[in-house]
Amino acid sequence: NIGGGENSTFYIQSSNPPITIETMAIYDRWGNLIFTRDGFPTNDPDLGWNGTREDKDIEQGVYLYFIKLQTGRIYTGDITIIR
């Protein structure tokens, strides 16, 4: 439900203290980079992805994420955007 209401931002949560996210990237199904942010703490929804690209809502669909923590741990997966 990105774009309004509950779950409107994709961000990483962790237990205290916050962990630094080395990089977070969102890609479309063709591998085009939609969003990227580097060097920021977990637990802050203002630093997450709000379902836009260049300040415009993206289309419904499946998007891939890549997250690398400062600890070296890597997470990958997908997000389904439903409007």
C-alpha atoms as a PDB file:
ATOM      1  CA  ASN A   1       0.000   0.000   0.000  1.00  0.00           C
ATOM      2  CA  ILE A   2       2.826   2.385  -0.791  1.00  0.00           C
ATOM      3  CA  GLY A   3       1.483   5.804  -1.586  1.00  0.00           C
ATOM      4  CA  GLY A   4      -0.912   6.216   1.310  1.00  0.00           C
ATOM      5  CA  GLY A   5      -2.042   4.771   4.558  1.00  0.00           C
ATOM      6  CA  GLU A   6      -0.417   1.939   6.414  1.00  0.00           C
ATOM      7  CA  ASN A   7       2.790   0.474   4.944  1.00  0.00           C
ATOM      8  CA  SER A   8       3.233   3.499   2.689  1.00  0.00           C
ATOM      9  CA  THR A   9       7.039   3.434   2.979  1.00  0.00           C
ATOM     10  CA  PHE A  10       9.440   0.528   2.553  1.00  0.00           C
ATOM     11  CA  TYR A  11      12.177   0.854   5.164  1.00  0.00           C
ATOM     12  CA  ILE A  12      14.327  -1.416   7.285  1.00  0.00           C
ATOM     13  CA  GLN A  13      13.650  -1.928  10.965  1.00  0.00           C
ATOM     14  CA  SER A  14      16.076  -3.346  13.504  1.00  0.00           C
ATOM     15  CA  SER A  15      16.401  -3.643  17.230  1.00  0.00           C
ATOM     16  CA  ASN A  16      18.235  -0.918  19.114  1.00  0.00           C
ATOM     17  CA  PRO A  17      20.737   0.422  18.458  1.00  0.00           C
ATOM     18  CA  PRO A  18      20.057   1.191  14.795  1.00  0.00           C
ATOM     19  CA  ILE A  19      22.319  -0.456  12.218  1.00  0.00           C
ATOM     20  CA  THR A  20      23.796   1.487   9.311  1.00  0.00           C
ATOM     21  CA  ILE A  21      22.520   0.478   5.899  1.00  0.00           C
ATOM     22  CA  GLU A  22      25.450   0.659   3.520  1.00  0.00           C
ATOM     23  CA  THR A  23      23.188   0.642   0.473  1.00  0.00           C
ATOM     24  CA  MET A  24      19.545   0.058  -0.401  1.00  0.00           C
ATOM     25  CA  ALA A  25      18.436  -0.225  -4.016  1.00  0.00           C
ATOM     26  CA  ILE A  26      15.072  -0.887  -5.684  1.00  0.00           C
ATOM     27  CA  TYR A  27      14.861  -2.207  -9.267  1.00  0.00           C
ATOM     28  CA  ASP A  28      12.013  -2.812 -11.690  1.00  0.00           C
ATOM     29  CA  ARG A  29      11.523  -6.226 -13.303  1.00  0.00           C
ATOM     30  CA  TRP A  30      13.841  -5.272 -16.176  1.00  0.00           C
ATOM     31  CA  GLY A  31      16.682  -4.379 -13.814  1.00  0.00           C
ATOM     32  CA  ASN A  32      16.345  -0.597 -14.099  1.00  0.00           C
ATOM     33  CA  LEU A  33      17.324   1.240 -10.922  1.00  0.00           C
ATOM     34  CA  ILE A  34      14.272   2.946  -9.402  1.00  0.00           C
ATOM     35  CA  PHE A  35      15.636   4.088  -6.025  1.00  0.00           C
ATOM     36  CA  THR A  36      18.943   4.082  -4.184  1.00  0.00           C
ATOM     37  CA  ARG A  37      20.198   5.436  -0.878  1.00  0.00           C
ATOM     38  CA  ASP A  38      23.540   4.903   0.862  1.00  0.00           C
ATOM     39  CA  GLY A  39      24.854   5.237   4.407  1.00  0.00           C
ATOM     40  CA  PHE A  40      21.754   5.726   6.545  1.00  0.00           C
ATOM     41  CA  PRO A  41      20.387   4.219   9.780  1.00  0.00           C
ATOM     42  CA  THR A  42      17.623   1.650  10.105  1.00  0.00           C
ATOM     43  CA  ASN A  43      14.281   2.467  11.755  1.00  0.00           C
ATOM     44  CA  ASP A  44      13.646   5.775   9.956  1.00  0.00           C
ATOM     45  CA  PRO A  45      10.673   5.655   7.552  1.00  0.00           C
ATOM     46  CA  ASP A  46      11.623   9.088   6.185  1.00  0.00           C
ATOM     47  CA  LEU A  47      14.751   7.499   4.680  1.00  0.00           C
ATOM     48  CA  GLY A  48      12.921   4.597   3.035  1.00  0.00           C
ATOM     49  CA  TRP A  49      11.316   4.246  -0.387  1.00  0.00           C
ATOM     50  CA  ASN A  50       7.835   5.717  -0.827  1.00  0.00           C
ATOM     51  CA  GLY A  51       6.903   4.042  -4.123  1.00  0.00           C
ATOM     52  CA  THR A  52       7.896   6.894  -6.407  1.00  0.00           C
ATOM     53  CA  ARG A  53      10.475   7.545  -9.093  1.00  0.00           C
ATOM     54  CA  GLU A  54      11.415  11.145  -9.844  1.00  0.00           C
ATOM     55  CA  ASP A  55       8.525  12.274  -7.587  1.00  0.00           C
ATOM     56  CA  LYS A  56       5.912  10.326  -9.593  1.00  0.00           C
ATOM     57  CA  ASP A  57       4.030   7.218  -8.438  1.00  0.00           C
ATOM     58  CA  ILE A  58       5.320   4.071 -10.074  1.00  0.00           C
ATOM     59  CA  GLU A  59       3.024   1.536 -11.683  1.00  0.00           C
ATOM     60  CA  GLN A  60       1.608  -1.401  -9.764  1.00  0.00           C
ATOM     61  CA  GLY A  61       3.797  -4.450  -9.999  1.00  0.00           C
ATOM     62  CA  VAL A  62       6.696  -6.335  -8.505  1.00  0.00           C
ATOM     63  CA  TYR A  63       9.956  -4.573  -7.678  1.00  0.00           C
ATOM     64  CA  LEU A  64      13.193  -6.091  -6.430  1.00  0.00           C
ATOM     65  CA  TYR A  65      15.224  -4.844  -3.499  1.00  0.00           C
ATOM     66  CA  PHE A  66      18.886  -5.206  -2.563  1.00  0.00           C
ATOM     67  CA  ILE A  67      20.029  -4.175   0.910  1.00  0.00           C
ATOM     68  CA  LYS A  68      23.569  -4.359   2.247  1.00  0.00           C
ATOM     69  CA  LEU A  69      24.171  -3.599   5.901  1.00  0.00           C
ATOM     70  CA  GLN A  70      27.394  -2.148   7.271  1.00  0.00           C
ATOM     71  CA  THR A  71      27.928  -5.533   8.935  1.00  0.00           C
ATOM     72  CA  GLY A  72      28.249  -7.088   5.458  1.00  0.00           C
ATOM     73  CA  ARG A  73      24.939  -8.916   5.628  1.00  0.00           C
ATOM     74  CA  ILE A  74      22.918  -8.775   2.384  1.00  0.00           C
ATOM     75  CA  TYR A  75      19.161  -9.063   1.945  1.00  0.00           C
ATOM     76  CA  THR A  76      17.296  -9.430  -1.352  1.00  0.00           C
ATOM     77  CA  GLY A  77      13.668  -9.938  -2.191  1.00  0.00           C
ATOM     78  CA  ASP A  78      10.669  -8.379  -3.839  1.00  0.00           C
ATOM     79  CA  ILE A  79       7.991  -5.827  -3.062  1.00  0.00           C
ATOM     80  CA  THR A  80       4.561  -5.838  -4.674  1.00  0.00           C
ATOM     81  CA  ILE A  81       3.058  -2.402  -5.225  1.00  0.00           C
ATOM     82  CA  ILE A  82      -0.750  -2.327  -5.086  1.00  0.00           C
ATOM     83  CA  ARG A  83      -2.593   0.953  -5.367  1.00  0.00           C
END
